[in-house]
PDB file of N, CA and C in Angstrom:
ATOM      1  N   UNK A   1     -11.093   9.582   5.135  1.00  0.00           N
ATOM      2  CA  UNK A   1     -10.133  10.035   4.144  1.00  0.00           C
ATOM      3  C   UNK A   1      -9.655  11.424   4.504  1.00  0.00           C
ATOM      4  N   UNK A   2      -8.592  11.856   3.858  1.00  0.00           N
ATOM      5  CA  UNK A   2      -8.099  13.191   4.120  1.00  0.00           C
ATOM      6  C   UNK A   2      -7.188  13.279   5.332  1.00  0.00           C
ATOM      7  N   UNK A   3      -6.831  12.136   5.927  1.00  0.00           N
ATOM      8  CA  UNK A   3      -5.959  12.155   7.096  1.00  0.00           C
ATOM      9  C   UNK A   3      -4.485  12.042   6.722  1.00  0.00           C
ATOM     10  N   UNK A   4      -4.165  12.108   5.441  1.00  0.00           N
ATOM     11  CA  UNK A   4      -2.787  11.978   4.986  1.00  0.00           C
ATOM     12  C   UNK A   4      -2.454  10.535   4.684  1.00  0.00           C
ATOM     13  N   UNK A   5      -1.168  10.261   4.442  1.00  0.00           N
ATOM     14  CA  UNK A   5      -0.763   8.908   4.075  1.00  0.00           C
ATOM     15  C   UNK A   5      -1.003   7.898   5.195  1.00  0.00           C
ATOM     16  N   UNK A   6      -1.274   6.673   4.819  1.00  0.00           N
ATOM     17  CA  UNK A   6      -1.482   5.600   5.784  1.00  0.00           C
ATOM     18  C   UNK A   6      -0.119   5.098   6.253  1.00  0.00           C
ATOM     19  N   UNK A   7       0.236   5.247   7.527  1.00  0.00           N
ATOM     20  CA  UNK A   7       1.562   4.822   7.994  1.00  0.00           C
ATOM     21  C   UNK A   7       1.776   3.313   7.909  1.00  0.00           C
ATOM     22  N   UNK A   8       0.690   2.526   7.892  1.00  0.00           N
ATOM     23  CA  UNK A   8       0.836   1.076   7.794  1.00  0.00           C
ATOM     24  C   UNK A   8       1.082   0.622   6.357  1.00  0.00           C
ATOM     25  N   UNK A   9       0.822   1.468   5.377  1.00  0.00           N
ATOM     26  CA  UNK A   9       0.928   1.088   3.968  1.00  0.00           C
ATOM     27  C   UNK A   9       2.349   0.703   3.580  1.00  0.00           C
ATOM     28  N   UNK A  10       3.354   1.437   4.088  1.00  0.00           N
ATOM     29  CA  UNK A  10       4.729   1.123   3.685  1.00  0.00           C
ATOM     30  C   UNK A  10       5.177  -0.238   4.207  1.00  0.00           C
ATOM     31  N   UNK A  11       4.653  -0.690   5.323  1.00  0.00           N
ATOM     32  CA  UNK A  11       5.061  -1.991   5.857  1.00  0.00           C
ATOM     33  C   UNK A  11       4.453  -3.134   5.061  1.00  0.00           C
ATOM     34  N   UNK A  12       3.422  -2.850   4.258  1.00  0.00           N
ATOM     35  CA  UNK A  12       2.846  -3.894   3.408  1.00  0.00           C
ATOM     36  C   UNK A  12       3.762  -4.219   2.229  1.00  0.00           C
ATOM     37  N   UNK A  13       4.768  -3.386   1.986  1.00  0.00           N
ATOM     38  CA  UNK A  13       5.700  -3.598   0.874  1.00  0.00           C
ATOM     39  C   UNK A  13       6.880  -4.499   1.262  1.00  0.00           C
ATOM     40  N   UNK A  14       6.981  -4.852   2.546  1.00  0.00           N
ATOM     41  CA  UNK A  14       8.086  -5.667   3.039  1.00  0.00           C
ATOM     42  C   UNK A  14       7.544  -6.856   3.809  1.00  0.00           C
ATOM     43  N   UNK A  15       8.234  -7.998   3.726  1.00  0.00           N
ATOM     44  CA  UNK A  15       7.916  -9.129   4.585  1.00  0.00           C
ATOM     45  C   UNK A  15       9.175  -9.968   4.771  1.00  0.00           C
ATOM     46  N   UNK A  16       9.189 -10.792   5.802  1.00  0.00           N
ATOM     47  CA  UNK A  16      10.335 -11.642   6.085  1.00  0.00           C
ATOM     48  C   UNK A  16       9.933 -13.083   5.825  1.00  0.00           C
ATOM     49  N   UNK A  17      10.682 -13.743   4.934  1.00  0.00           N
ATOM     50  CA  UNK A  17      10.452 -15.153   4.621  1.00  0.00           C
ATOM     51  C   UNK A  17      11.765 -15.894   4.826  1.00  0.00           C
ATOM     52  N   UNK A  18      11.741 -16.930   5.631  1.00  0.00           N
ATOM     53  CA  UNK A  18      12.931 -17.735   5.927  1.00  0.00           C
ATOM     54  C   UNK A  18      14.090 -16.883   6.425  1.00  0.00           C
ATOM     55  N   UNK A  19      13.783 -15.862   7.217  1.00  0.00           N
ATOM     56  CA  UNK A  19      14.820 -15.010   7.801  1.00  0.00           C
ATOM     57  C   UNK A  19      15.411 -13.999   6.840  1.00  0.00           C
ATOM     58  N   UNK A  20      14.829 -13.862   5.632  1.00  0.00           N
ATOM     59  CA  UNK A  20      15.344 -12.900   4.656  1.00  0.00           C
ATOM     60  C   UNK A  20      14.268 -11.867   4.337  1.00  0.00           C
ATOM     61  N   UNK A  21      14.718 -10.648   4.076  1.00  0.00           N
ATOM     62  CA  UNK A  21      13.810  -9.557   3.735  1.00  0.00           C
ATOM     63  C   UNK A  21      13.377  -9.681   2.278  1.00  0.00           C
ATOM     64  N   UNK A  22      12.076  -9.678   2.046  1.00  0.00           N
ATOM     65  CA  UNK A  22      11.522  -9.748   0.697  1.00  0.00           C
ATOM     66  C   UNK A  22      10.772  -8.448   0.456  1.00  0.00           C
ATOM     67  N   UNK A  23      11.104  -7.772  -0.652  1.00  0.00           N
ATOM     68  CA  UNK A  23      10.484  -6.488  -0.963  1.00  0.00           C
ATOM     69  C   UNK A  23       9.519  -6.615  -2.125  1.00  0.00           C
ATOM     70  N   UNK A  24       8.573  -5.677  -2.201  1.00  0.00           N
ATOM     71  CA  UNK A  24       7.633  -5.631  -3.325  1.00  0.00           C
ATOM     72  C   UNK A  24       8.393  -5.243  -4.594  1.00  0.00           C
ATOM     73  N   UNK A  25       7.737  -5.370  -5.719  1.00  0.00           N
ATOM     74  CA  UNK A  25       8.372  -5.084  -7.006  1.00  0.00           C
ATOM     75  C   UNK A  25       8.669  -3.591  -7.161  1.00  0.00           C
ATOM     76  N   UNK A  26       9.872  -3.280  -7.654  1.00  0.00           N
ATOM     77  CA  UNK A  26      10.287  -1.891  -7.875  1.00  0.00           C
ATOM     78  C   UNK A  26       9.927  -1.438  -9.277  1.00  0.00           C
ATOM     79  N   UNK A  27       9.827  -0.142  -9.477  1.00  0.00           N
ATOM     80  CA  UNK A  27       9.584   0.432 -10.795  1.00  0.00           C
ATOM     81  C   UNK A  27      10.860   0.313 -11.628  1.00  0.00           C
ATOM     82  N   UNK A  28      10.786  -0.254 -12.841  1.00  0.00           N
ATOM     83  CA  UNK A  28      11.992  -0.383 -13.662  1.00  0.00           C
ATOM     84  C   UNK A  28      12.516   0.965 -14.172  1.00  0.00           C
ATOM     85  N   UNK A  29      11.659   1.969 -14.247  1.00  0.00           N
ATOM     86  CA  UNK A  29      12.068   3.291 -14.712  1.00  0.00           C
ATOM     87  C   UNK A  29      12.697   4.117 -13.587  1.00  0.00           C
ATOM     88  N   UNK A  30      12.035   4.158 -12.431  1.00  0.00           N
ATOM     89  CA  UNK A  30      12.502   4.976 -11.301  1.00  0.00           C
ATOM     90  C   UNK A  30      13.613   4.297 -10.503  1.00  0.00           C
ATOM     91  N   UNK A  31      13.615   2.972 -10.468  1.00  0.00           N
ATOM     92  CA  UNK A  31      14.672   2.247  -9.767  1.00  0.00           C
ATOM     93  C   UNK A  31      14.273   1.816  -8.369  1.00  0.00           C
ATOM     94  N   UNK A  32      15.278   1.381  -7.610  1.00  0.00           N
ATOM     95  CA  UNK A  32      15.072   0.864  -6.255  1.00  0.00           C
ATOM     96  C   UNK A  32      14.428   1.926  -5.363  1.00  0.00           C
ATOM     97  N   UNK A  33      13.534   1.479  -4.507  1.00  0.00           N
ATOM     98  CA  UNK A  33      12.917   2.378  -3.539  1.00  0.00           C
ATOM     99  C   UNK A  33      11.577   2.940  -3.978  1.00  0.00           C
ATOM    100  N   UNK A  34      11.239   2.798  -5.259  1.00  0.00           N
ATOM    101  CA  UNK A  34       9.941   3.250  -5.749  1.00  0.00           C
ATOM    102  C   UNK A  34       9.163   1.999  -6.121  1.00  0.00           C
ATOM    103  N   UNK A  35       8.125   1.703  -5.349  1.00  0.00           N
ATOM    104  CA  UNK A  35       7.378   0.468  -5.529  1.00  0.00           C
ATOM    105  C   UNK A  35       6.236   0.627  -6.511  1.00  0.00           C
ATOM    106  N   UNK A  36       5.867  -0.486  -7.145  1.00  0.00           N
ATOM    107  CA  UNK A  36       4.699  -0.508  -8.024  1.00  0.00           C
ATOM    108  C   UNK A  36       3.463  -0.817  -7.190  1.00  0.00           C
ATOM    109  N   UNK A  37       2.415  -0.067  -7.407  1.00  0.00           N
ATOM    110  CA  UNK A  37       1.137  -0.326  -6.746  1.00  0.00           C
ATOM    111  C   UNK A  37       0.457  -1.460  -7.496  1.00  0.00           C
ATOM    112  N   UNK A  38      -0.136  -2.391  -6.770  1.00  0.00           N
ATOM    113  CA  UNK A  38      -0.796  -3.520  -7.406  1.00  0.00           C
ATOM    114  C   UNK A  38      -2.303  -3.297  -7.366  1.00  0.00           C
ATOM    115  N   UNK A  39      -2.884  -3.199  -8.556  1.00  0.00           N
ATOM    116  CA  UNK A  39      -4.327  -3.028  -8.709  1.00  0.00           C
ATOM    117  C   UNK A  39      -4.916  -4.328  -9.229  1.00  0.00           C
ATOM    118  N   UNK A  40      -6.213  -4.357  -9.453  1.00  0.00           N
ATOM    119  CA  UNK A  40      -6.895  -5.576  -9.886  1.00  0.00           C
ATOM    120  C   UNK A  40      -6.375  -6.071 -11.239  1.00  0.00           C
ATOM    121  N   UNK A  41      -6.127  -5.159 -12.188  1.00  0.00           N
ATOM    122  CA  UNK A  41      -5.734  -5.566 -13.532  1.00  0.00           C
ATOM    123  C   UNK A  41      -4.399  -4.992 -14.000  1.00  0.00           C
ATOM    124  N   UNK A  42      -3.643  -4.340 -13.106  1.00  0.00           N
ATOM    125  CA  UNK A  42      -2.387  -3.718 -13.523  1.00  0.00           C
ATOM    126  C   UNK A  42      -1.476  -3.439 -12.336  1.00  0.00           C
ATOM    127  N   UNK A  43      -0.210  -3.184 -12.631  1.00  0.00           N
ATOM    128  CA  UNK A  43       0.764  -2.681 -11.664  1.00  0.00           C
ATOM    129  C   UNK A  43       1.174  -1.311 -12.179  1.00  0.00           C
ATOM    130  N   UNK A  44       1.240  -0.321 -11.302  1.00  0.00           N
ATOM    131  CA  UNK A  44       1.577   1.014 -11.778  1.00  0.00           C
ATOM    132  C   UNK A  44       2.449   1.761 -10.788  1.00  0.00           C
ATOM    133  N   UNK A  45       3.227   2.699 -11.342  1.00  0.00           N
ATOM    134  CA  UNK A  45       4.095   3.560 -10.543  1.00  0.00           C
ATOM    135  C   UNK A  45       3.407   4.903 -10.376  1.00  0.00           C
ATOM    136  N   UNK A  46       3.262   5.355  -9.146  1.00  0.00           N
ATOM    137  CA  UNK A  46       2.631   6.642  -8.887  1.00  0.00           C
ATOM    138  C   UNK A  46       3.545   7.819  -9.148  1.00  0.00           C
ATOM    139  N   UNK A  47       4.844   7.559  -9.310  1.00  0.00           N
ATOM    140  CA  UNK A  47       5.797   8.629  -9.518  1.00  0.00           C
ATOM    141  C   UNK A  47       5.922   9.006 -10.989  1.00  0.00           C
ATOM    142  N   UNK A  48       6.151   7.987 -11.861  1.00  0.00           N
ATOM    143  CA  UNK A  48       6.396   8.285 -13.278  1.00  0.00           C
ATOM    144  C   UNK A  48       5.244   7.875 -14.190  1.00  0.00           C
ATOM    145  N   UNK A  49       4.305   7.046 -13.672  1.00  0.00           N
ATOM    146  CA  UNK A  49       3.168   6.622 -14.483  1.00  0.00           C
ATOM    147  C   UNK A  49       3.383   5.325 -15.233  1.00  0.00           C
ATOM    148  N   UNK A  50       4.520   4.661 -15.022  1.00  0.00           N
ATOM    149  CA  UNK A  50       4.774   3.368 -15.671  1.00  0.00           C
ATOM    150  C   UNK A  50       3.655   2.398 -15.292  1.00  0.00           C
ATOM    151  N   UNK A  51       3.104   1.681 -16.287  1.00  0.00           N
ATOM    152  CA  UNK A  51       2.008   0.740 -16.045  1.00  0.00           C
ATOM    153  C   UNK A  51       2.296  -0.580 -16.748  1.00  0.00           C
ATOM    154  N   UNK A  52       2.005  -1.650 -16.047  1.00  0.00           N
ATOM    155  CA  UNK A  52       2.196  -3.020 -16.550  1.00  0.00           C
ATOM    156  C   UNK A  52       0.869  -3.730 -16.341  1.00  0.00           C
ATOM    157  N   UNK A  53       0.270  -4.257 -17.409  1.00  0.00           N
ATOM    158  CA  UNK A  53      -1.016  -4.925 -17.309  1.00  0.00           C
ATOM    159  C   UNK A  53      -0.828  -6.353 -16.785  1.00  0.00           C
ATOM    160  N   UNK A  54      -1.746  -6.812 -15.924  1.00  0.00           N
ATOM    161  CA  UNK A  54      -1.749  -8.175 -15.410  1.00  0.00           C
ATOM    162  C   UNK A  54      -2.803  -8.938 -16.195  1.00  0.00           C
ATOM    163  N   UNK A  55      -2.405 -10.075 -16.745  1.00  0.00           N
ATOM    164  CA  UNK A  55      -3.370 -10.861 -17.530  1.00  0.00           C
ATOM    165  C   UNK A  55      -3.852 -12.048 -16.762  1.00  0.00           C
TER     166      UNK A  55
END
């Protein structure tokens, strides 16, 4: 730890399915380009703190 951001982490937010780019879920408050982090029981935005519980 302490080595700064993981450069591979941003590529986990994108994938190609059937030749089309598929992106992870965006924050509804911050808008496009700010992704929600997926945790065991919630999705959250690290920028504004928006949280959505997963049931």
